[in-house]
């Protein structure tokens, strides 16, 4: 090797060494959490991103209350200890259409409880309640059904000779005549002028709409800065995943994670 080449080689090695010290190779790729959260959940015909997480999306990609279980290509979400099928998602309006799994294809579920949601996270939109009456004392009701749009239905295991189940608007004004009264939301646009078991079941299976609130203003700021909305599992707070790291909001505040900035 020619002697005059040594200064050039030495200088090159010094530059490489300094570069590796100040910018490790591991930081020369886009942020791992940003890359991970770029992929939505694919379940059936739906593709779900923030605030949803589960399956291929880690918890830091969503809101902790929006865990999604993809079971046999059916997306399921639990809200206030009640399971729902997710039928439709609209990210621009932040709405989802869901249907109760216990009422799917039936109006006689084993447990009969009124629909409940977490009003800190959700609000009803374009929906109205459908009221079902179970285990009603039929002799007491026999004289009060005149001129009412009433659907009478039987459930397995009920003494149908004495107890009846009904669907009717404002059927009962006096408490104690029925064992259970259950409100199940349906879409506002569904007409039930003439009700049958089939039309009621179809209306319930059509679901109802909820609007979600999962740190919406912070998420808007994050997306506007080029980031992806998510969650910081360490601080239990909203997080904005950016190509340069994870931040409390936006992509320019103090980072709570790595800064994978390439040194090219």
C-alpha atoms as a PDB file:
ATOM      1  CA  UNK A   1       0.000   0.000   0.000  1.00  0.00           C
ATOM      2  CA  UNK A   2       1.304   3.435  -0.850  1.00  0.00           C
ATOM      3  CA  UNK A   3       2.349   5.540   2.165  1.00  0.00           C
ATOM      4  CA  UNK A   4       0.469   8.623   0.943  1.00  0.00           C
ATOM      5  CA  UNK A   5      -2.832   6.732   1.243  1.00  0.00           C
ATOM      6  CA  UNK A   6      -2.593   6.384   5.039  1.00  0.00           C
ATOM      7  CA  UNK A   7      -3.811   9.928   5.871  1.00  0.00           C
ATOM      8  CA  UNK A   8      -6.876   9.450   3.641  1.00  0.00           C
ATOM      9  CA  UNK A   9      -7.748   6.058   5.174  1.00  0.00           C
ATOM     10  CA  UNK A  10      -7.213   7.373   8.699  1.00  0.00           C
ATOM     11  CA  UNK A  11      -9.495  10.371   8.068  1.00  0.00           C
ATOM     12  CA  UNK A  12     -12.208   8.107   6.618  1.00  0.00           C
ATOM     13  CA  UNK A  13     -12.088   5.819   9.653  1.00  0.00           C
ATOM     14  CA  UNK A  14     -12.378   8.808  11.993  1.00  0.00           C
ATOM     15  CA  UNK A  15     -15.465  10.109  10.145  1.00  0.00           C
ATOM     16  CA  UNK A  16     -17.141   6.664  10.284  1.00  0.00           C
ATOM     17  CA  UNK A  17     -16.338   6.302  14.001  1.00  0.00           C
ATOM     18  CA  UNK A  18     -17.737   9.753  14.865  1.00  0.00           C
ATOM     19  CA  UNK A  19     -20.883   9.047  12.835  1.00  0.00           C
ATOM     20  CA  UNK A  20     -21.514   5.761  14.639  1.00  0.00           C
ATOM     21  CA  UNK A  21     -21.012   7.434  18.031  1.00  0.00           C
ATOM     22  CA  UNK A  22     -23.437  10.289  17.363  1.00  0.00           C
ATOM     23  CA  UNK A  23     -25.967   8.396  15.221  1.00  0.00           C
ATOM     24  CA  UNK A  24     -26.193   4.639  15.835  1.00  0.00           C
ATOM     25  CA  UNK A  25     -27.393   2.475  12.983  1.00  0.00           C
ATOM     26  CA  UNK A  26     -30.472   1.477  15.036  1.00  0.00           C
ATOM     27  CA  UNK A  27     -31.662   5.084  14.894  1.00  0.00           C
ATOM     28  CA  UNK A  28     -31.388   5.368  11.151  1.00  0.00           C
ATOM     29  CA  UNK A  29     -34.729   3.729  10.536  1.00  0.00           C
ATOM     30  CA  UNK A  30     -38.168   5.211  11.048  1.00  0.00           C
ATOM     31  CA  UNK A  31     -39.579   4.924  14.549  1.00  0.00           C
ATOM     32  CA  UNK A  32     -40.609   1.335  15.333  1.00  0.00           C
ATOM     33  CA  UNK A  33     -43.908   2.348  16.940  1.00  0.00           C
ATOM     34  CA  UNK A  34     -44.746   4.645  14.033  1.00  0.00           C
ATOM     35  CA  UNK A  35     -44.149   1.802  11.559  1.00  0.00           C
ATOM     36  CA  UNK A  36     -46.115  -0.675  13.647  1.00  0.00           C
ATOM     37  CA  UNK A  37     -49.127   1.639  13.994  1.00  0.00           C
ATOM     38  CA  UNK A  38     -49.178   2.370  10.261  1.00  0.00           C
ATOM     39  CA  UNK A  39     -50.857  -0.995   9.667  1.00  0.00           C
ATOM     40  CA  UNK A  40     -54.609  -1.173  10.422  1.00  0.00           C
ATOM     41  CA  UNK A  41     -56.464  -4.178  11.793  1.00  0.00           C
ATOM     42  CA  UNK A  42     -57.927  -6.211   8.956  1.00  0.00           C
ATOM     43  CA  UNK A  43     -60.990  -8.134  10.113  1.00  0.00           C
ATOM     44  CA  UNK A  44     -63.631  -9.340   7.676  1.00  0.00           C
ATOM     45  CA  UNK A  45     -64.426  -6.435   5.361  1.00  0.00           C
ATOM     46  CA  UNK A  46     -63.262  -3.776   7.831  1.00  0.00           C
ATOM     47  CA  UNK A  47     -59.918  -2.020   8.238  1.00  0.00           C
ATOM     48  CA  UNK A  48     -59.577  -0.338  11.620  1.00  0.00           C
ATOM     49  CA  UNK A  49     -56.898   2.061  12.823  1.00  0.00           C
ATOM     50  CA  UNK A  50     -56.847   4.402  15.862  1.00  0.00           C
ATOM     51  CA  UNK A  51     -58.467   4.243  18.387  1.00  0.00           C
ATOM     52  CA  UNK A  52     -58.709   0.486  17.797  1.00  0.00           C
ATOM     53  CA  UNK A  53     -55.997  -2.004  18.681  1.00  0.00           C
ATOM     54  CA  UNK A  54     -55.658  -5.782  18.899  1.00  0.00           C
ATOM     55  CA  UNK A  55     -54.635  -8.593  16.531  1.00  0.00           C
ATOM     56  CA  UNK A  56     -51.669  -7.142  14.608  1.00  0.00           C
ATOM     57  CA  UNK A  57     -51.872  -3.717  16.309  1.00  0.00           C
ATOM     58  CA  UNK A  58     -50.118  -3.262  19.651  1.00  0.00           C
ATOM     59  CA  UNK A  59     -51.784  -1.531  22.610  1.00  0.00           C
ATOM     60  CA  UNK A  60     -49.711   1.608  22.049  1.00  0.00           C
ATOM     61  CA  UNK A  61     -51.432   1.999  18.646  1.00  0.00           C
ATOM     62  CA  UNK A  62     -54.898   2.571  20.111  1.00  0.00           C
ATOM     63  CA  UNK A  63     -56.952   3.694  23.076  1.00  0.00           C
ATOM     64  CA  UNK A  64     -57.062   1.174  25.970  1.00  0.00           C
ATOM     65  CA  UNK A  65     -60.886   1.020  25.873  1.00  0.00           C
ATOM     66  CA  UNK A  66     -61.009   0.164  22.155  1.00  0.00           C
ATOM     67  CA  UNK A  67     -59.539  -3.335  22.124  1.00  0.00           C
ATOM     68  CA  UNK A  68     -60.897  -5.271  19.157  1.00  0.00           C
ATOM     69  CA  UNK A  69     -61.243  -9.042  19.037  1.00  0.00           C
ATOM     70  CA  UNK A  70     -61.351 -10.454  15.510  1.00  0.00           C
ATOM     71  CA  UNK A  71     -63.186 -13.755  15.889  1.00  0.00           C
ATOM     72  CA  UNK A  72     -63.814 -15.755  12.690  1.00  0.00           C
ATOM     73  CA  UNK A  73     -63.531 -12.544  10.651  1.00  0.00           C
ATOM     74  CA  UNK A  74     -66.126 -10.860  12.897  1.00  0.00           C
ATOM     75  CA  UNK A  75     -64.814  -7.731  14.696  1.00  0.00           C
ATOM     76  CA  UNK A  76     -66.017  -7.619  18.309  1.00  0.00           C
ATOM     77  CA  UNK A  77     -65.685  -4.821  20.848  1.00  0.00           C
ATOM     78  CA  UNK A  78     -66.583  -4.805  24.536  1.00  0.00           C
ATOM     79  CA  UNK A  79     -68.268  -1.648  25.853  1.00  0.00           C
ATOM     80  CA  UNK A  80     -69.244  -1.463  29.525  1.00  0.00           C
ATOM     81  CA  UNK A  81     -68.964  -5.265  29.891  1.00  0.00           C
ATOM     82  CA  UNK A  82     -71.222  -5.881  26.896  1.00  0.00           C
ATOM     83  CA  UNK A  83     -70.026  -7.426  23.618  1.00  0.00           C
ATOM     84  CA  UNK A  84     -70.920  -5.891  20.255  1.00  0.00           C
ATOM     85  CA  UNK A  85     -70.344  -6.784  16.637  1.00  0.00           C
ATOM     86  CA  UNK A  86     -68.723  -3.929  14.729  1.00  0.00           C
ATOM     87  CA  UNK A  87     -70.679  -3.626  11.489  1.00  0.00           C
ATOM     88  CA  UNK A  88     -69.346  -0.367  10.067  1.00  0.00           C
ATOM     89  CA  UNK A  89     -66.691   2.261  10.737  1.00  0.00           C
ATOM     90  CA  UNK A  90     -66.552   5.878   9.606  1.00  0.00           C
ATOM     91  CA  UNK A  91     -63.255   7.457  10.615  1.00  0.00           C
ATOM     92  CA  UNK A  92     -64.102  10.923   9.276  1.00  0.00           C
ATOM     93  CA  UNK A  93     -67.199  11.227  11.483  1.00  0.00           C
ATOM     94  CA  UNK A  94     -65.689   9.050  14.230  1.00  0.00           C
ATOM     95  CA  UNK A  95     -68.724   6.782  14.287  1.00  0.00           C
ATOM     96  CA  UNK A  96     -69.202   3.054  14.393  1.00  0.00           C
ATOM     97  CA  UNK A  97     -72.297   0.945  13.875  1.00  0.00           C
ATOM     98  CA  UNK A  98     -72.550  -1.941  16.294  1.00  0.00           C
ATOM     99  CA  UNK A  99     -75.031  -4.679  17.211  1.00  0.00           C
ATOM    100  CA  UNK A 100     -75.334  -6.594  20.456  1.00  0.00           C
ATOM    101  CA  UNK A 101     -73.916 -10.111  20.168  1.00  0.00           C
ATOM    102  CA  UNK A 102     -76.393 -11.567  22.706  1.00  0.00           C
ATOM    103  CA  UNK A 103     -79.304 -10.343  20.564  1.00  0.00           C
ATOM    104  CA  UNK A 104     -77.775 -11.455  17.261  1.00  0.00           C
ATOM    105  CA  UNK A 105     -80.408 -13.365  15.273  1.00  0.00           C
ATOM    106  CA  UNK A 106     -82.665 -13.672  18.337  1.00  0.00           C
ATOM    107  CA  UNK A 107     -84.882 -11.603  20.629  1.00  0.00           C
ATOM    108  CA  UNK A 108     -84.715 -14.177  23.420  1.00  0.00           C
ATOM    109  CA  UNK A 109     -81.168 -14.017  24.815  1.00  0.00           C
ATOM    110  CA  UNK A 110     -80.320 -16.024  27.967  1.00  0.00           C
ATOM    111  CA  UNK A 111     -79.730 -12.830  29.986  1.00  0.00           C
ATOM    112  CA  UNK A 112     -81.996  -9.840  29.439  1.00  0.00           C
ATOM    113  CA  UNK A 113     -80.391  -6.534  30.342  1.00  0.00           C
ATOM    114  CA  UNK A 114     -80.704  -3.028  28.950  1.00  0.00           C
ATOM    115  CA  UNK A 115     -77.966  -1.734  26.668  1.00  0.00           C
ATOM    116  CA  UNK A 116     -75.334   0.316  28.475  1.00  0.00           C
ATOM    117  CA  UNK A 117     -72.426   2.336  27.100  1.00  0.00           C
ATOM    118  CA  UNK A 118     -69.618   4.428  28.566  1.00  0.00           C
ATOM    119  CA  UNK A 119     -70.770   8.009  28.021  1.00  0.00           C
ATOM    120  CA  UNK A 120     -67.232   9.264  28.673  1.00  0.00           C
ATOM    121  CA  UNK A 121     -66.192   7.586  25.422  1.00  0.00           C
ATOM    122  CA  UNK A 122     -69.382   7.227  23.372  1.00  0.00           C
ATOM    123  CA  UNK A 123     -72.629   8.968  22.553  1.00  0.00           C
ATOM    124  CA  UNK A 124     -75.643   7.722  20.610  1.00  0.00           C
ATOM    125  CA  UNK A 125     -76.127   9.208  17.167  1.00  0.00           C
ATOM    126  CA  UNK A 126     -78.900   8.572  14.601  1.00  0.00           C
ATOM    127  CA  UNK A 127     -80.287   5.907  16.943  1.00  0.00           C
ATOM    128  CA  UNK A 128     -83.335   5.335  19.108  1.00  0.00           C
ATOM    129  CA  UNK A 129     -84.292   2.766  21.779  1.00  0.00           C
ATOM    130  CA  UNK A 130     -86.455  -0.249  21.055  1.00  0.00           C
ATOM    131  CA  UNK A 131     -88.235  -1.480  24.185  1.00  0.00           C
ATOM    132  CA  UNK A 132     -88.911  -5.156  24.795  1.00  0.00           C
ATOM    133  CA  UNK A 133     -91.105  -6.474  27.614  1.00  0.00           C
ATOM    134  CA  UNK A 134     -90.487  -9.960  29.010  1.00  0.00           C
ATOM    135  CA  UNK A 135     -92.458 -12.236  31.359  1.00  0.00           C
ATOM    136  CA  UNK A 136     -95.551 -10.059  31.431  1.00  0.00           C
ATOM    137  CA  UNK A 137     -98.614 -11.320  33.287  1.00  0.00           C
ATOM    138  CA  UNK A 138    -100.966 -11.965  30.368  1.00  0.00           C
ATOM    139  CA  UNK A 139    -104.334 -11.739  32.223  1.00  0.00           C
ATOM    140  CA  UNK A 140    -103.444  -8.237  33.421  1.00  0.00           C
ATOM    141  CA  UNK A 141    -102.532  -7.146  29.896  1.00  0.00           C
ATOM    142  CA  UNK A 142    -105.381  -8.721  28.010  1.00  0.00           C
ATOM    143  CA  UNK A 143    -107.623  -5.700  28.384  1.00  0.00           C
ATOM    144  CA  UNK A 144    -104.952  -3.082  27.647  1.00  0.00           C
ATOM    145  CA  UNK A 145    -103.795  -4.177  24.190  1.00  0.00           C
ATOM    146  CA  UNK A 146    -106.655  -2.701  22.190  1.00  0.00           C
ATOM    147  CA  UNK A 147    -105.600  -0.282  19.451  1.00  0.00           C
ATOM    148  CA  UNK A 148    -101.896  -0.781  20.226  1.00  0.00           C
ATOM    149  CA  UNK A 149     -99.293  -1.884  17.712  1.00  0.00           C
ATOM    150  CA  UNK A 150     -98.208  -4.927  19.683  1.00  0.00           C
ATOM    151  CA  UNK A 151     -95.894  -7.777  18.760  1.00  0.00           C
ATOM    152  CA  UNK A 152     -96.293 -10.821  20.964  1.00  0.00           C
ATOM    153  CA  UNK A 153     -93.531 -13.418  20.992  1.00  0.00           C
ATOM    154  CA  UNK A 154     -92.606 -16.539  22.940  1.00  0.00           C
ATOM    155  CA  UNK A 155     -89.218 -17.434  24.382  1.00  0.00           C
ATOM    156  CA  UNK A 156     -88.115 -20.987  25.081  1.00  0.00           C
ATOM    157  CA  UNK A 157     -88.516 -21.901  28.752  1.00  0.00           C
ATOM    158  CA  UNK A 158     -91.219 -19.319  29.446  1.00  0.00           C
ATOM    159  CA  UNK A 159     -94.619 -20.406  30.724  1.00  0.00           C
ATOM    160  CA  UNK A 160     -96.451 -19.042  27.677  1.00  0.00           C
ATOM    161  CA  UNK A 161     -99.846 -19.904  29.157  1.00  0.00           C
ATOM    162  CA  UNK A 162     -99.363 -17.282  31.854  1.00  0.00           C
ATOM    163  CA  UNK A 163     -96.388 -15.092  30.845  1.00  0.00           C
ATOM    164  CA  UNK A 164     -96.069 -13.245  27.545  1.00  0.00           C
ATOM    165  CA  UNK A 165     -93.387 -11.153  25.900  1.00  0.00           C
ATOM    166  CA  UNK A 166     -94.243  -8.000  23.985  1.00  0.00           C
ATOM    167  CA  UNK A 167     -92.823  -5.281  21.852  1.00  0.00           C
ATOM    168  CA  UNK A 168     -95.018  -2.185  21.816  1.00  0.00           C
ATOM    169  CA  UNK A 169     -94.668   1.602  22.164  1.00  0.00           C
ATOM    170  CA  UNK A 170     -95.554   2.754  25.671  1.00  0.00           C
ATOM    171  CA  UNK A 171     -97.175  -0.584  26.420  1.00  0.00           C
ATOM    172  CA  UNK A 172     -96.995  -0.363  30.186  1.00  0.00           C
ATOM    173  CA  UNK A 173     -97.438   2.631  32.444  1.00  0.00           C
ATOM    174  CA  UNK A 174     -97.666   0.623  35.657  1.00  0.00           C
ATOM    175  CA  UNK A 175     -94.546  -1.075  37.081  1.00  0.00           C
ATOM    176  CA  UNK A 176     -94.555  -4.686  38.167  1.00  0.00           C
ATOM    177  CA  UNK A 177     -96.575  -6.146  35.289  1.00  0.00           C
ATOM    178  CA  UNK A 178     -93.486  -7.523  33.499  1.00  0.00           C
ATOM    179  CA  UNK A 179     -90.439  -9.288  34.825  1.00  0.00           C
ATOM    180  CA  UNK A 180     -87.945  -7.537  32.525  1.00  0.00           C
ATOM    181  CA  UNK A 181     -87.949  -4.377  30.445  1.00  0.00           C
ATOM    182  CA  UNK A 182     -85.028  -4.126  28.024  1.00  0.00           C
ATOM    183  CA  UNK A 183     -84.005  -1.220  25.794  1.00  0.00           C
ATOM    184  CA  UNK A 184     -82.050  -2.196  22.690  1.00  0.00           C
ATOM    185  CA  UNK A 185     -81.017   0.665  20.355  1.00  0.00           C
ATOM    186  CA  UNK A 186     -81.756   0.536  16.637  1.00  0.00           C
ATOM    187  CA  UNK A 187     -81.127   2.979  13.800  1.00  0.00           C
ATOM    188  CA  UNK A 188     -83.350   6.035  13.748  1.00  0.00           C
ATOM    189  CA  UNK A 189     -84.104   5.380  10.080  1.00  0.00           C
ATOM    190  CA  UNK A 190     -85.644   1.943  10.731  1.00  0.00           C
ATOM    191  CA  UNK A 191     -89.446   1.939  10.540  1.00  0.00           C
ATOM    192  CA  UNK A 192     -91.351  -0.523  12.719  1.00  0.00           C
ATOM    193  CA  UNK A 193     -94.920   0.568  11.986  1.00  0.00           C
ATOM    194  CA  UNK A 194     -95.934  -3.060  11.535  1.00  0.00           C
ATOM    195  CA  UNK A 195     -93.828  -5.268  13.733  1.00  0.00           C
ATOM    196  CA  UNK A 196     -93.213  -8.987  13.566  1.00  0.00           C
ATOM    197  CA  UNK A 197     -90.547 -11.118  15.214  1.00  0.00           C
ATOM    198  CA  UNK A 198     -88.637 -11.134  11.921  1.00  0.00           C
ATOM    199  CA  UNK A 199     -88.706  -7.343  11.468  1.00  0.00           C
ATOM    200  CA  UNK A 200     -87.707  -6.750  15.094  1.00  0.00           C
ATOM    201  CA  UNK A 201     -84.811  -9.209  14.827  1.00  0.00           C
ATOM    202  CA  UNK A 202     -83.662  -7.594  11.577  1.00  0.00           C
ATOM    203  CA  UNK A 203     -83.860  -4.127  13.139  1.00  0.00           C
ATOM    204  CA  UNK A 204     -81.716  -5.191  16.101  1.00  0.00           C
ATOM    205  CA  UNK A 205     -79.216  -7.003  13.868  1.00  0.00           C
ATOM    206  CA  UNK A 206     -78.924  -3.804  11.813  1.00  0.00           C
ATOM    207  CA  UNK A 207     -77.288  -2.267  14.861  1.00  0.00           C
ATOM    208  CA  UNK A 208     -77.080   1.330  15.987  1.00  0.00           C
ATOM    209  CA  UNK A 209     -74.565   4.146  15.710  1.00  0.00           C
ATOM    210  CA  UNK A 210     -72.152   5.490  18.291  1.00  0.00           C
ATOM    211  CA  UNK A 211     -69.823   8.463  18.055  1.00  0.00           C
ATOM    212  CA  UNK A 212     -66.549   7.972  19.875  1.00  0.00           C
ATOM    213  CA  UNK A 213     -64.375  10.416  21.786  1.00  0.00           C
ATOM    214  CA  UNK A 214     -60.837   9.088  22.202  1.00  0.00           C
ATOM    215  CA  UNK A 215     -58.709  12.202  22.785  1.00  0.00           C
ATOM    216  CA  UNK A 216     -60.097  13.661  19.569  1.00  0.00           C
ATOM    217  CA  UNK A 217     -58.489  17.181  19.765  1.00  0.00           C
ATOM    218  CA  UNK A 218     -55.053  15.720  20.533  1.00  0.00           C
ATOM    219  CA  UNK A 219     -55.460  13.177  17.746  1.00  0.00           C
ATOM    220  CA  UNK A 220     -56.341  15.940  15.272  1.00  0.00           C
ATOM    221  CA  UNK A 221     -53.189  17.828  16.254  1.00  0.00           C
ATOM    222  CA  UNK A 222     -51.096  14.672  15.932  1.00  0.00           C
ATOM    223  CA  UNK A 223     -52.428  13.794  12.473  1.00  0.00           C
ATOM    224  CA  UNK A 224     -52.001  17.397  11.353  1.00  0.00           C
ATOM    225  CA  UNK A 225     -48.326  17.158  12.275  1.00  0.00           C
ATOM    226  CA  UNK A 226     -47.877  13.977  10.255  1.00  0.00           C
ATOM    227  CA  UNK A 227     -48.060  11.585  13.194  1.00  0.00           C
ATOM    228  CA  UNK A 228     -50.191   8.594  14.136  1.00  0.00           C
ATOM    229  CA  UNK A 229     -52.424   8.677  17.196  1.00  0.00           C
ATOM    230  CA  UNK A 230     -51.714   6.172  19.924  1.00  0.00           C
ATOM    231  CA  UNK A 231     -51.160   5.554  23.616  1.00  0.00           C
ATOM    232  CA  UNK A 232     -48.225   5.692  25.997  1.00  0.00           C
ATOM    233  CA  UNK A 233     -48.471   2.517  28.075  1.00  0.00           C
ATOM    234  CA  UNK A 234     -45.894   3.870  30.543  1.00  0.00           C
ATOM    235  CA  UNK A 235     -47.589   7.185  31.359  1.00  0.00           C
ATOM    236  CA  UNK A 236     -51.137   5.963  30.572  1.00  0.00           C
ATOM    237  CA  UNK A 237     -51.726   8.998  28.388  1.00  0.00           C
ATOM    238  CA  UNK A 238     -52.281   9.900  24.758  1.00  0.00           C
ATOM    239  CA  UNK A 239     -49.227   9.588  22.512  1.00  0.00           C
ATOM    240  CA  UNK A 240     -48.386  10.826  19.045  1.00  0.00           C
ATOM    241  CA  UNK A 241     -46.152   8.428  17.136  1.00  0.00           C
ATOM    242  CA  UNK A 242     -43.996  10.241  14.595  1.00  0.00           C
ATOM    243  CA  UNK A 243     -41.165   9.237  12.293  1.00  0.00           C
ATOM    244  CA  UNK A 244     -38.807  10.993  14.714  1.00  0.00           C
ATOM    245  CA  UNK A 245     -40.136   9.395  17.883  1.00  0.00           C
ATOM    246  CA  UNK A 246     -43.130   9.404  20.221  1.00  0.00           C
ATOM    247  CA  UNK A 247     -44.451  12.685  21.628  1.00  0.00           C
ATOM    248  CA  UNK A 248     -47.176  13.722  24.108  1.00  0.00           C
ATOM    249  CA  UNK A 249     -48.844  15.771  21.359  1.00  0.00           C
ATOM    250  CA  UNK A 250     -47.929  16.765  17.835  1.00  0.00           C
ATOM    251  CA  UNK A 251     -44.509  15.900  16.494  1.00  0.00           C
ATOM    252  CA  UNK A 252     -42.492  18.782  17.891  1.00  0.00           C
ATOM    253  CA  UNK A 253     -42.786  18.566  21.655  1.00  0.00           C
ATOM    254  CA  UNK A 254     -40.383  16.758  23.986  1.00  0.00           C
ATOM    255  CA  UNK A 255     -40.233  13.148  22.897  1.00  0.00           C
ATOM    256  CA  UNK A 256     -41.148  10.320  25.272  1.00  0.00           C
ATOM    257  CA  UNK A 257     -39.336   7.747  23.118  1.00  0.00           C
ATOM    258  CA  UNK A 258     -36.378   7.341  20.748  1.00  0.00           C
ATOM    259  CA  UNK A 259     -35.350   9.847  18.109  1.00  0.00           C
ATOM    260  CA  UNK A 260     -34.549   7.734  15.075  1.00  0.00           C
ATOM    261  CA  UNK A 261     -33.101  10.513  12.916  1.00  0.00           C
ATOM    262  CA  UNK A 262     -30.835   9.284  10.140  1.00  0.00           C
ATOM    263  CA  UNK A 263     -27.464  10.888   9.644  1.00  0.00           C
ATOM    264  CA  UNK A 264     -27.202  11.002   5.891  1.00  0.00           C
END
